Amino acid sequence: MKLGFIGCGNMAQAMMGGIITGNLIPANEIITSDAYKPGLEKAKKTLDINITVDNKEVAANSEMIILSVKPQFYNIVIKEISSIIKEDTIIITIAPGQMLEDLENQFGKKVKIVRTMPNTPAMVGEGMTAMCTNEYVTEEEIKEVKRVLEGFGRVEVVPEYMMDAVVAVSGSSPAYVYMFIEALADGAVLNGMSRAQAYTFAAQAVLGSAKVVLETKLHPAQLKDMVCSPAGTTIEAVKTLEDEGFRSAIINAMISCVERSKNM
């Protein structure tokens, strides 16, 4: 079994789904463990992967292991599996606040570690993942890990000091975007649109706008200016957003997110 997941929550299942759908690793070469048996059974039924309640079984049978448990459980899991981890096993983490040096110290030996921060749009193959590695991971291994992570979206290699900013700009930001979509829909409902239709209009507008930024490479301000006709409806709405502190609220939210990430 090539790829192991310790923890089988929503993020892990989203990652597995993307990897399998992208034909990167077959389902019969993926194994996952979790203490929550109903979640394991759901993953087995949906993805046809191998399941176990034994973290050591995953560690013993995987060339790559993704630690997909909550940050507060990392120390417990690492203590449990550290003696089983082989010299060529690659450990991939997805939790905020877990520094490479601290993770190495927890293993108590030289271990290949890749620190990543994915996000929940991985569920639909549109994730954004940042990754950095310790010194023991080779260039070829970096390419292989990147290839696997690209099974559920875009991947960028970044220096570790940027990871807290990554948490705020992509790891947590889907929540802000969902709030924005909900607010757009509420405004449409206020003006007579049905709830279901309002969500479709709002979500598609966000999806399309994001795609324009990525594909045209134009500055967001330039794209905004293209929509704002003189004395038009859009510039009136933009003025209101500025009056209400729209951009400063987002920036302040990201600052608080980064501080929380640093202190986890």
C-alpha atoms as a PDB file:
ATOM      1  CA  MET A   1       0.000   0.000   0.000  1.00  0.00           C
ATOM      2  CA  LYS A   2       1.646   3.168  -1.187  1.00  0.00           C
ATOM      3  CA  LEU A   3      -0.288   6.018   0.445  1.00  0.00           C
ATOM      4  CA  GLY A   4      -1.554   6.126   4.020  1.00  0.00           C
ATOM      5  CA  PHE A   5      -3.835   8.564   5.836  1.00  0.00           C
ATOM      6  CA  ILE A   6      -3.929   8.698   9.613  1.00  0.00           C
ATOM      7  CA  GLY A   7      -7.260  10.393  10.162  1.00  0.00           C
ATOM      8  CA  CYS A   8     -10.198   9.967   7.811  1.00  0.00           C
ATOM      9  CA  GLY A   9     -12.170  13.210   8.137  1.00  0.00           C
ATOM     10  CA  ASN A  10     -13.637  15.411   5.415  1.00  0.00           C
ATOM     11  CA  MET A  11     -10.297  16.833   4.280  1.00  0.00           C
ATOM     12  CA  ALA A  12      -8.663  13.408   4.101  1.00  0.00           C
ATOM     13  CA  GLN A  13     -11.554  11.988   2.105  1.00  0.00           C
ATOM     14  CA  ALA A  14     -11.508  14.993  -0.241  1.00  0.00           C
ATOM     15  CA  MET A  15      -7.790  14.453  -0.841  1.00  0.00           C
ATOM     16  CA  MET A  16      -8.216  10.730  -1.391  1.00  0.00           C
ATOM     17  CA  GLY A  17     -11.085  11.322  -3.794  1.00  0.00           C
ATOM     18  CA  GLY A  18      -9.012  13.709  -5.903  1.00  0.00           C
ATOM     19  CA  ILE A  19      -6.022  11.373  -5.954  1.00  0.00           C
ATOM     20  CA  ILE A  20      -8.141   8.399  -7.019  1.00  0.00           C
ATOM     21  CA  THR A  21     -10.194  10.317  -9.586  1.00  0.00           C
ATOM     22  CA  GLY A  22      -6.997  11.717 -11.092  1.00  0.00           C
ATOM     23  CA  ASN A  23      -5.612   8.166 -11.463  1.00  0.00           C
ATOM     24  CA  LEU A  24      -2.518   9.148  -9.463  1.00  0.00           C
ATOM     25  CA  ILE A  25      -2.716   6.254  -7.018  1.00  0.00           C
ATOM     26  CA  PRO A  26      -5.271   3.420  -7.263  1.00  0.00           C
ATOM     27  CA  ALA A  27      -7.723   2.961  -4.403  1.00  0.00           C
ATOM     28  CA  ASN A  28      -6.286  -0.446  -3.519  1.00  0.00           C
ATOM     29  CA  GLU A  29      -2.930   1.214  -2.729  1.00  0.00           C
ATOM     30  CA  ILE A  30      -4.452   3.671  -0.236  1.00  0.00           C
ATOM     31  CA  ILE A  31      -5.045   2.834   3.424  1.00  0.00           C
ATOM     32  CA  THR A  32      -6.556   5.031   6.133  1.00  0.00           C
ATOM     33  CA  SER A  33      -7.058   4.725   9.871  1.00  0.00           C
ATOM     34  CA  ASP A  34      -9.424   6.473  12.248  1.00  0.00           C
ATOM     35  CA  ALA A  35     -10.952   5.840  15.649  1.00  0.00           C
ATOM     36  CA  TYR A  36     -14.378   6.829  14.273  1.00  0.00           C
ATOM     37  CA  LYS A  37     -15.602   3.641  12.611  1.00  0.00           C
ATOM     38  CA  PRO A  38     -18.667   5.115  10.824  1.00  0.00           C
ATOM     39  CA  GLY A  39     -16.359   7.562   9.043  1.00  0.00           C
ATOM     40  CA  LEU A  40     -14.091   4.715   7.991  1.00  0.00           C
ATOM     41  CA  GLU A  41     -17.007   2.681   6.691  1.00  0.00           C
ATOM     42  CA  LYS A  42     -18.252   5.667   4.700  1.00  0.00           C
ATOM     43  CA  ALA A  43     -14.807   6.109   3.133  1.00  0.00           C
ATOM     44  CA  LYS A  44     -14.634   2.402   2.313  1.00  0.00           C
ATOM     45  CA  LYS A  45     -18.050   2.470   0.654  1.00  0.00           C
ATOM     46  CA  THR A  46     -17.448   5.716  -1.243  1.00  0.00           C
ATOM     47  CA  LEU A  47     -13.799   5.327  -2.252  1.00  0.00           C
ATOM     48  CA  ASP A  48     -13.174   1.559  -2.012  1.00  0.00           C
ATOM     49  CA  ILE A  49      -9.935   2.114  -0.081  1.00  0.00           C
ATOM     50  CA  ASN A  50      -8.388  -0.036   2.643  1.00  0.00           C
ATOM     51  CA  ILE A  51      -9.390   0.862   6.198  1.00  0.00           C
ATOM     52  CA  THR A  52      -8.159   0.056   9.704  1.00  0.00           C
ATOM     53  CA  VAL A  53      -8.469   1.374  13.245  1.00  0.00           C
ATOM     54  CA  ASP A  54      -4.738   0.764  13.789  1.00  0.00           C
ATOM     55  CA  ASN A  55      -2.444   3.734  13.055  1.00  0.00           C
ATOM     56  CA  LYS A  56       0.583   1.430  13.217  1.00  0.00           C
ATOM     57  CA  GLU A  57      -0.796  -0.649  10.364  1.00  0.00           C
ATOM     58  CA  VAL A  58      -0.916   2.477   8.209  1.00  0.00           C
ATOM     59  CA  ALA A  59       2.644   3.415   9.215  1.00  0.00           C
ATOM     60  CA  ALA A  60       3.967  -0.054   8.443  1.00  0.00           C
ATOM     61  CA  ASN A  61       2.351  -0.314   5.017  1.00  0.00           C
ATOM     62  CA  SER A  62       2.815   3.148   3.500  1.00  0.00           C
ATOM     63  CA  GLU A  63       5.586   4.853   1.568  1.00  0.00           C
ATOM     64  CA  MET A  64       3.864   8.210   2.093  1.00  0.00           C
ATOM     65  CA  ILE A  65       1.815   8.997   5.203  1.00  0.00           C
ATOM     66  CA  ILE A  66      -0.504  11.992   5.498  1.00  0.00           C
ATOM     67  CA  LEU A  67      -1.191  13.021   9.088  1.00  0.00           C
ATOM     68  CA  SER A  68      -4.751  14.294   8.767  1.00  0.00           C
ATOM     69  CA  VAL A  69      -5.641  14.552  12.442  1.00  0.00           C
ATOM     70  CA  LYS A  70      -6.224  17.746  14.405  1.00  0.00           C
ATOM     71  CA  PRO A  71      -3.073  19.600  15.578  1.00  0.00           C
ATOM     72  CA  GLN A  72      -3.645  18.699  19.238  1.00  0.00           C
ATOM     73  CA  PHE A  73      -3.385  14.992  18.389  1.00  0.00           C
ATOM     74  CA  TYR A  74      -0.131  15.157  16.422  1.00  0.00           C
ATOM     75  CA  ASN A  75       2.108  14.460  19.403  1.00  0.00           C
ATOM     76  CA  ILE A  76       0.074  11.394  20.419  1.00  0.00           C
ATOM     77  CA  VAL A  77       0.021   9.955  16.889  1.00  0.00           C
ATOM     78  CA  ILE A  78       3.731  10.609  16.288  1.00  0.00           C
ATOM     79  CA  LYS A  79       4.686   8.868  19.534  1.00  0.00           C
ATOM     80  CA  GLU A  80       2.573   5.900  18.470  1.00  0.00           C
ATOM     81  CA  ILE A  81       4.106   5.476  15.001  1.00  0.00           C
ATOM     82  CA  SER A  82       7.641   6.922  15.287  1.00  0.00           C
ATOM     83  CA  SER A  83       9.391   3.601  15.897  1.00  0.00           C
ATOM     84  CA  ILE A  84       7.743   2.097  12.800  1.00  0.00           C
ATOM     85  CA  ILE A  85       8.604   4.902  10.376  1.00  0.00           C
ATOM     86  CA  LYS A  86      11.309   3.798   7.939  1.00  0.00           C
ATOM     87  CA  GLU A  87      14.164   5.974   6.699  1.00  0.00           C
ATOM     88  CA  ASP A  88      12.592   6.426   3.262  1.00  0.00           C
ATOM     89  CA  THR A  89       9.020   7.045   4.462  1.00  0.00           C
ATOM     90  CA  ILE A  90       7.679  10.505   3.658  1.00  0.00           C
ATOM     91  CA  ILE A  91       5.510  12.155   6.326  1.00  0.00           C
ATOM     92  CA  ILE A  92       3.074  14.800   5.060  1.00  0.00           C
ATOM     93  CA  THR A  93       1.335  17.099   7.540  1.00  0.00           C
ATOM     94  CA  ILE A  94      -1.754  19.227   6.868  1.00  0.00           C
ATOM     95  CA  ALA A  95      -2.208  21.002  10.219  1.00  0.00           C
ATOM     96  CA  PRO A  96      -1.456  24.663  10.974  1.00  0.00           C
ATOM     97  CA  GLY A  97       1.146  25.611  13.552  1.00  0.00           C
ATOM     98  CA  GLN A  98       3.215  22.428  13.224  1.00  0.00           C
ATOM     99  CA  MET A  99       6.778  23.581  12.443  1.00  0.00           C
ATOM    100  CA  LEU A 100       9.175  21.246  10.622  1.00  0.00           C
ATOM    101  CA  GLU A 101      11.782  21.419  13.389  1.00  0.00           C
ATOM    102  CA  ASP A 102       9.191  20.666  16.083  1.00  0.00           C
ATOM    103  CA  LEU A 103       7.879  17.711  14.094  1.00  0.00           C
ATOM    104  CA  GLU A 104      11.410  16.307  13.684  1.00  0.00           C
ATOM    105  CA  ASN A 105      11.961  16.623  17.420  1.00  0.00           C
ATOM    106  CA  GLN A 106       8.724  14.764  18.108  1.00  0.00           C
ATOM    107  CA  PHE A 107       9.862  11.857  15.924  1.00  0.00           C
ATOM    108  CA  GLY A 108      13.234  11.904  17.662  1.00  0.00           C
ATOM    109  CA  LYS A 109      15.144  10.892  14.526  1.00  0.00           C
ATOM    110  CA  LYS A 110      15.830  11.923  10.945  1.00  0.00           C
ATOM    111  CA  VAL A 111      12.511  11.819   9.107  1.00  0.00           C
ATOM    112  CA  LYS A 112      11.479  13.106   5.688  1.00  0.00           C
ATOM    113  CA  ILE A 113       8.747  15.676   6.420  1.00  0.00           C
ATOM    114  CA  VAL A 114       6.603  17.693   4.041  1.00  0.00           C
ATOM    115  CA  ARG A 115       4.512  20.389   5.690  1.00  0.00           C
ATOM    116  CA  THR A 116       1.417  21.353   3.703  1.00  0.00           C
ATOM    117  CA  MET A 117      -1.682  23.496   4.039  1.00  0.00           C
ATOM    118  CA  PRO A 118      -4.538  22.397   1.742  1.00  0.00           C
ATOM    119  CA  ASN A 119      -8.087  23.752   1.784  1.00  0.00           C
ATOM    120  CA  THR A 120     -11.596  22.347   1.517  1.00  0.00           C
ATOM    121  CA  PRO A 121     -12.165  23.135  -2.206  1.00  0.00           C
ATOM    122  CA  ALA A 122     -10.064  19.979  -2.627  1.00  0.00           C
ATOM    123  CA  MET A 123     -13.482  18.311  -2.298  1.00  0.00           C
ATOM    124  CA  VAL A 124     -14.257  19.379  -5.880  1.00  0.00           C
ATOM    125  CA  GLY A 125     -10.733  19.209  -7.273  1.00  0.00           C
ATOM    126  CA  GLU A 126     -10.119  22.950  -6.892  1.00  0.00           C
ATOM    127  CA  GLY A 127      -7.951  22.988  -3.790  1.00  0.00           C
ATOM    128  CA  MET A 128      -5.034  25.327  -3.129  1.00  0.00           C
ATOM    129  CA  THR A 129      -2.129  23.713  -1.296  1.00  0.00           C
ATOM    130  CA  ALA A 130       1.157  25.187  -0.085  1.00  0.00           C
ATOM    131  CA  MET A 131       4.071  22.906   0.760  1.00  0.00           C
ATOM    132  CA  CYS A 132       7.542  23.138   2.261  1.00  0.00           C
ATOM    133  CA  THR A 133       9.975  20.403   3.282  1.00  0.00           C
ATOM    134  CA  ASN A 134      12.825  19.649   5.623  1.00  0.00           C
ATOM    135  CA  GLU A 135      16.356  18.971   4.381  1.00  0.00           C
ATOM    136  CA  TYR A 136      15.950  15.196   4.115  1.00  0.00           C
ATOM    137  CA  VAL A 137      13.386  15.307   1.298  1.00  0.00           C
ATOM    138  CA  THR A 138      15.056  15.019  -2.111  1.00  0.00           C
ATOM    139  CA  GLU A 139      14.144  17.012  -5.229  1.00  0.00           C
ATOM    140  CA  GLU A 140      12.655  13.894  -6.809  1.00  0.00           C
ATOM    141  CA  GLU A 141      10.549  13.255  -3.710  1.00  0.00           C
ATOM    142  CA  ILE A 142       9.353  16.880  -3.731  1.00  0.00           C
ATOM    143  CA  LYS A 143       8.201  16.396  -7.340  1.00  0.00           C
ATOM    144  CA  GLU A 144       6.398  13.171  -6.428  1.00  0.00           C
ATOM    145  CA  VAL A 145       4.613  14.707  -3.414  1.00  0.00           C
ATOM    146  CA  LYS A 146       3.646  17.727  -5.521  1.00  0.00           C
ATOM    147  CA  ARG A 147       2.256  15.411  -8.209  1.00  0.00           C
ATOM    148  CA  VAL A 148       0.084  13.640  -5.631  1.00  0.00           C
ATOM    149  CA  LEU A 149      -1.175  16.889  -4.108  1.00  0.00           C
ATOM    150  CA  GLU A 150      -2.034  18.230  -7.569  1.00  0.00           C
ATOM    151  CA  GLY A 151      -4.620  15.462  -7.740  1.00  0.00           C
ATOM    152  CA  PHE A 152      -7.047  17.797  -5.968  1.00  0.00           C
ATOM    153  CA  GLY A 153      -5.963  21.287  -7.085  1.00  0.00           C
ATOM    154  CA  ARG A 154      -3.074  23.723  -7.419  1.00  0.00           C
ATOM    155  CA  VAL A 155       0.159  23.403  -5.443  1.00  0.00           C
ATOM    156  CA  GLU A 156       2.857  25.964  -4.668  1.00  0.00           C
ATOM    157  CA  VAL A 157       6.175  25.335  -2.912  1.00  0.00           C
ATOM    158  CA  VAL A 158       6.818  28.138  -0.397  1.00  0.00           C
ATOM    159  CA  PRO A 159       9.367  28.859   2.359  1.00  0.00           C
ATOM    160  CA  GLU A 160       8.150  27.777   5.783  1.00  0.00           C
ATOM    161  CA  TYR A 161       7.912  31.325   7.160  1.00  0.00           C
ATOM    162  CA  MET A 162       5.031  31.933   4.722  1.00  0.00           C
ATOM    163  CA  MET A 163       2.865  29.085   6.004  1.00  0.00           C
ATOM    164  CA  ASP A 164       0.966  31.165   8.574  1.00  0.00           C
ATOM    165  CA  ALA A 165       0.023  33.635   5.827  1.00  0.00           C
ATOM    166  CA  VAL A 166      -1.058  30.652   3.688  1.00  0.00           C
ATOM    167  CA  VAL A 167      -3.427  29.572   6.469  1.00  0.00           C
ATOM    168  CA  ALA A 168      -5.141  32.966   6.275  1.00  0.00           C
ATOM    169  CA  VAL A 169      -5.152  33.484   2.496  1.00  0.00           C
ATOM    170  CA  SER A 170      -6.222  29.989   1.379  1.00  0.00           C
ATOM    171  CA  GLY A 171      -6.531  27.535   4.273  1.00  0.00           C
ATOM    172  CA  SER A 172      -9.209  29.470   6.166  1.00  0.00           C
ATOM    173  CA  SER A 173     -10.421  31.805   3.428  1.00  0.00           C
ATOM    174  CA  PRO A 174     -13.081  29.475   1.986  1.00  0.00           C
ATOM    175  CA  ALA A 175     -15.059  30.302   5.137  1.00  0.00           C
ATOM    176  CA  TYR A 176     -14.845  34.027   4.347  1.00  0.00           C
ATOM    177  CA  VAL A 177     -15.880  33.359   0.746  1.00  0.00           C
ATOM    178  CA  TYR A 178     -18.873  31.286   1.855  1.00  0.00           C
ATOM    179  CA  MET A 179     -19.933  34.158   4.101  1.00  0.00           C
ATOM    180  CA  PHE A 180     -19.597  36.538   1.145  1.00  0.00           C
ATOM    181  CA  ILE A 181     -21.713  34.248  -1.065  1.00  0.00           C
ATOM    182  CA  GLU A 182     -24.323  33.978   1.670  1.00  0.00           C
ATOM    183  CA  ALA A 183     -24.426  37.771   2.033  1.00  0.00           C
ATOM    184  CA  LEU A 184     -24.756  38.232  -1.744  1.00  0.00           C
ATOM    185  CA  ALA A 185     -27.618  35.749  -1.771  1.00  0.00           C
ATOM    186  CA  ASP A 186     -29.322  37.463   1.169  1.00  0.00           C
ATOM    187  CA  GLY A 187     -29.179  40.742  -0.723  1.00  0.00           C
ATOM    188  CA  ALA A 188     -30.711  39.104  -3.783  1.00  0.00           C
ATOM    189  CA  VAL A 189     -33.469  37.519  -1.686  1.00  0.00           C
ATOM    190  CA  LEU A 190     -34.141  40.919  -0.124  1.00  0.00           C
ATOM    191  CA  ASN A 191     -34.766  42.169  -3.636  1.00  0.00           C
ATOM    192  CA  GLY A 192     -37.164  39.384  -4.623  1.00  0.00           C
ATOM    193  CA  MET A 193     -35.025  36.503  -5.904  1.00  0.00           C
ATOM    194  CA  SER A 194     -35.643  32.956  -4.705  1.00  0.00           C
ATOM    195  CA  ARG A 195     -33.114  31.568  -2.223  1.00  0.00           C
ATOM    196  CA  ALA A 196     -31.965  28.695  -4.468  1.00  0.00           C
ATOM    197  CA  GLN A 197     -31.536  30.941  -7.478  1.00  0.00           C
ATOM    198  CA  ALA A 198     -29.735  33.574  -5.396  1.00  0.00           C
ATOM    199  CA  TYR A 199     -27.096  31.049  -4.289  1.00  0.00           C
ATOM    200  CA  THR A 200     -26.566  29.954  -7.899  1.00  0.00           C
ATOM    201  CA  PHE A 201     -26.093  33.519  -9.135  1.00  0.00           C
ATOM    202  CA  ALA A 202     -23.804  34.458  -6.233  1.00  0.00           C
ATOM    203  CA  ALA A 203     -21.645  31.324  -6.356  1.00  0.00           C
ATOM    204  CA  GLN A 204     -21.240  31.433 -10.130  1.00  0.00           C
ATOM    205  CA  ALA A 205     -20.243  35.114  -9.971  1.00  0.00           C
ATOM    206  CA  VAL A 206     -17.512  34.286  -7.431  1.00  0.00           C
ATOM    207  CA  LEU A 207     -16.353  31.245  -9.423  1.00  0.00           C
ATOM    208  CA  GLY A 208     -16.194  33.183 -12.687  1.00  0.00           C
ATOM    209  CA  SER A 209     -14.447  36.171 -11.141  1.00  0.00           C
ATOM    210  CA  ALA A 210     -11.780  33.965  -9.560  1.00  0.00           C
ATOM    211  CA  LYS A 211     -11.193  32.224 -12.890  1.00  0.00           C
ATOM    212  CA  VAL A 212     -10.715  35.579 -14.634  1.00  0.00           C
ATOM    213  CA  VAL A 213      -8.030  36.560 -12.094  1.00  0.00           C
ATOM    214  CA  LEU A 214      -6.172  33.275 -12.554  1.00  0.00           C
ATOM    215  CA  GLU A 215      -6.405  33.076 -16.333  1.00  0.00           C
ATOM    216  CA  THR A 216      -5.893  36.715 -17.374  1.00  0.00           C
ATOM    217  CA  LYS A 217      -3.172  37.441 -14.752  1.00  0.00           C
ATOM    218  CA  LEU A 218      -4.545  41.004 -14.618  1.00  0.00           C
ATOM    219  CA  HIS A 219      -4.399  42.885 -11.334  1.00  0.00           C
ATOM    220  CA  PRO A 220      -7.685  42.562  -9.388  1.00  0.00           C
ATOM    221  CA  ALA A 221      -7.905  46.364  -9.184  1.00  0.00           C
ATOM    222  CA  GLN A 222      -7.702  46.584 -12.976  1.00  0.00           C
ATOM    223  CA  LEU A 223     -10.465  44.002 -13.336  1.00  0.00           C
ATOM    224  CA  LYS A 224     -12.586  45.885 -10.796  1.00  0.00           C
ATOM    225  CA  ASP A 225     -12.105  49.120 -12.766  1.00  0.00           C
ATOM    226  CA  MET A 226     -13.299  47.343 -15.924  1.00  0.00           C
ATOM    227  CA  VAL A 227     -16.655  46.641 -14.232  1.00  0.00           C
ATOM    228  CA  CYS A 228     -17.101  50.128 -12.751  1.00  0.00           C
ATOM    229  CA  SER A 229     -18.724  52.396 -15.342  1.00  0.00           C
ATOM    230  CA  PRO A 230     -18.764  56.158 -14.607  1.00  0.00           C
ATOM    231  CA  ALA A 231     -21.715  57.043 -12.341  1.00  0.00           C
ATOM    232  CA  GLY A 232     -22.899  53.440 -12.670  1.00  0.00           C
ATOM    233  CA  THR A 233     -24.402  50.875 -10.325  1.00  0.00           C
ATOM    234  CA  THR A 234     -21.145  49.019  -9.604  1.00  0.00           C
ATOM    235  CA  ILE A 235     -19.109  52.017  -8.496  1.00  0.00           C
ATOM    236  CA  GLU A 236     -22.006  53.009  -6.232  1.00  0.00           C
ATOM    237  CA  ALA A 237     -21.854  49.557  -4.621  1.00  0.00           C
ATOM    238  CA  VAL A 238     -18.052  49.756  -4.354  1.00  0.00           C
ATOM    239  CA  LYS A 239     -18.359  53.103  -2.551  1.00  0.00           C
ATOM    240  CA  THR A 240     -20.750  51.560  -0.050  1.00  0.00           C
ATOM    241  CA  LEU A 241     -18.372  48.656   0.572  1.00  0.00           C
ATOM    242  CA  GLU A 242     -15.514  51.090   1.151  1.00  0.00           C
ATOM    243  CA  ASP A 243     -17.679  53.146   3.516  1.00  0.00           C
ATOM    244  CA  GLU A 244     -18.453  49.986   5.493  1.00  0.00           C
ATOM    245  CA  GLY A 245     -14.791  48.954   5.775  1.00  0.00           C
ATOM    246  CA  PHE A 246     -15.054  45.925   3.485  1.00  0.00           C
ATOM    247  CA  ARG A 247     -11.364  45.547   2.648  1.00  0.00           C
ATOM    248  CA  SER A 248     -10.042  46.524   6.070  1.00  0.00           C
ATOM    249  CA  ALA A 249     -12.371  43.962   7.694  1.00  0.00           C
ATOM    250  CA  ILE A 250     -10.921  41.205   5.504  1.00  0.00           C
ATOM    251  CA  ILE A 251      -7.337  42.277   6.157  1.00  0.00           C
ATOM    252  CA  ASN A 252      -7.980  42.448   9.912  1.00  0.00           C
ATOM    253  CA  ALA A 253      -9.580  38.997   9.819  1.00  0.00           C
ATOM    254  CA  MET A 254      -6.475  37.625   8.111  1.00  0.00           C
ATOM    255  CA  ILE A 255      -4.199  39.245  10.693  1.00  0.00           C
ATOM    256  CA  SER A 256      -6.119  37.562  13.509  1.00  0.00           C
ATOM    257  CA  CYS A 257      -6.043  34.261  11.596  1.00  0.00           C
ATOM    258  CA  VAL A 258      -2.252  34.453  11.191  1.00  0.00           C
ATOM    259  CA  GLU A 259      -1.765  35.249  14.881  1.00  0.00           C
ATOM    260  CA  ARG A 260      -3.899  32.265  15.866  1.00  0.00           C
ATOM    261  CA  SER A 261      -1.930  30.020  13.501  1.00  0.00           C
ATOM    262  CA  LYS A 262       1.373  31.167  15.024  1.00  0.00           C
ATOM    263  CA  ASN A 263       0.145  30.381  18.522  1.00  0.00           C
ATOM    264  CA  MET A 264      -1.308  26.928  17.919  1.00  0.00           C
END
